[in-house]
Amino acid sequence: MDIRQLEAFVYTVKYQRFSLAAQKLYLSQATVSSHLNTLEKELNTQLLTRTTKRLSVTPEGQTTYTYAAE
């Protein structure tokens, strides 16, 4: 687990959009997405539910967000 992955996750949850999280972090959207995918693989759980129109946090994601936001 890398601090950049957690930071990307926190910003994505906070802004509810990959593109806005990427903009705030001065990263590309692809990089933010890659950080989140890697974090989910390392934790072996889905943190976000992604659809074409919505992004929602799973219960596991909420626990991780609480930890990471601190």
Protein backbone atom coordinates (compact mmCIF):
# COMPACT_ATOMS: atom_id res chain seq x y z
CA MET A 1 0.00 0.00 0.00
CA ASP A 2 1.33 3.38 -1.03
CA ILE A 3 0.42 6.79 0.37
CA ARG A 4 -0.29 8.00 -3.19
CA GLN A 5 -2.88 5.26 -3.63
CA LEU A 6 -4.63 6.25 -0.41
CA GLU A 7 -4.48 9.92 -1.36
CA ALA A 8 -6.03 9.20 -4.76
CA PHE A 9 -8.76 7.17 -3.07
CA VAL A 10 -9.56 9.91 -0.53
CA TYR A 11 -9.76 12.59 -3.21
CA THR A 12 -11.91 10.41 -5.45
CA VAL A 13 -14.37 9.75 -2.63
CA LYS A 14 -14.33 13.40 -1.59
CA TYR A 15 -15.03 14.76 -5.08
CA GLN A 16 -17.02 11.75 -6.39
CA ARG A 17 -15.23 11.98 -9.75
CA PHE A 18 -11.97 10.57 -11.03
CA SER A 19 -11.37 13.57 -13.24
CA LEU A 20 -11.75 16.13 -10.45
CA ALA A 21 -9.61 14.07 -8.07
CA ALA A 22 -6.94 13.88 -10.76
CA GLN A 23 -7.11 17.63 -11.32
CA LYS A 24 -6.74 18.38 -7.59
CA LEU A 25 -3.80 15.97 -7.31
CA TYR A 26 -2.12 17.23 -10.51
CA LEU A 27 -2.25 13.74 -11.99
CA SER A 28 -3.87 12.23 -15.04
CA GLN A 29 -7.22 10.52 -14.68
CA ALA A 30 -5.59 7.28 -15.83
CA THR A 31 -3.03 7.52 -13.02
CA VAL A 32 -5.74 8.02 -10.38
CA SER A 33 -7.65 5.06 -11.78
CA SER A 34 -4.50 2.95 -11.78
CA HIS A 35 -3.75 3.87 -8.15
CA LEU A 36 -7.26 2.85 -7.13
CA ASN A 37 -7.16 -0.43 -9.07
CA THR A 38 -3.82 -1.31 -7.47
CA LEU A 39 -5.12 -0.43 -4.00
CA GLU A 40 -8.19 -2.62 -4.51
CA LYS A 41 -6.01 -5.52 -5.65
CA GLU A 42 -3.68 -5.14 -2.67
CA LEU A 43 -6.59 -5.04 -0.23
CA ASN A 44 -8.38 -7.79 -2.15
CA THR A 45 -11.70 -5.93 -2.03
CA GLN A 46 -13.76 -3.52 -4.08
CA LEU A 47 -13.68 -0.03 -2.57
CA LEU A 48 -15.80 1.78 -5.15
CA THR A 49 -18.74 0.78 -7.28
CA ARG A 50 -18.34 2.38 -10.68
CA THR A 51 -21.10 2.91 -13.23
CA THR A 52 -21.17 5.18 -16.23
CA LYS A 53 -23.06 7.84 -14.29
CA ARG A 54 -22.29 7.24 -10.61
CA LEU A 55 -19.51 6.44 -8.25
CA SER A 56 -20.42 5.00 -4.86
CA VAL A 57 -18.38 3.81 -1.92
CA THR A 58 -18.76 0.22 -0.75
CA PRO A 59 -18.91 -0.57 2.99
CA GLU A 60 -15.28 -1.71 2.79
CA GLY A 61 -14.46 1.51 0.97
CA GLN A 62 -16.08 3.56 3.72
CA THR A 63 -13.94 1.83 6.34
CA THR A 64 -10.83 2.42 4.25
CA TYR A 65 -11.80 6.05 3.66
CA THR A 66 -12.19 6.65 7.41
CA TYR A 67 -8.74 5.20 8.00
CA ALA A 68 -7.09 6.98 5.07
CA ALA A 69 -8.66 10.39 5.74
CA GLU A 70 -7.01 10.50 9.16
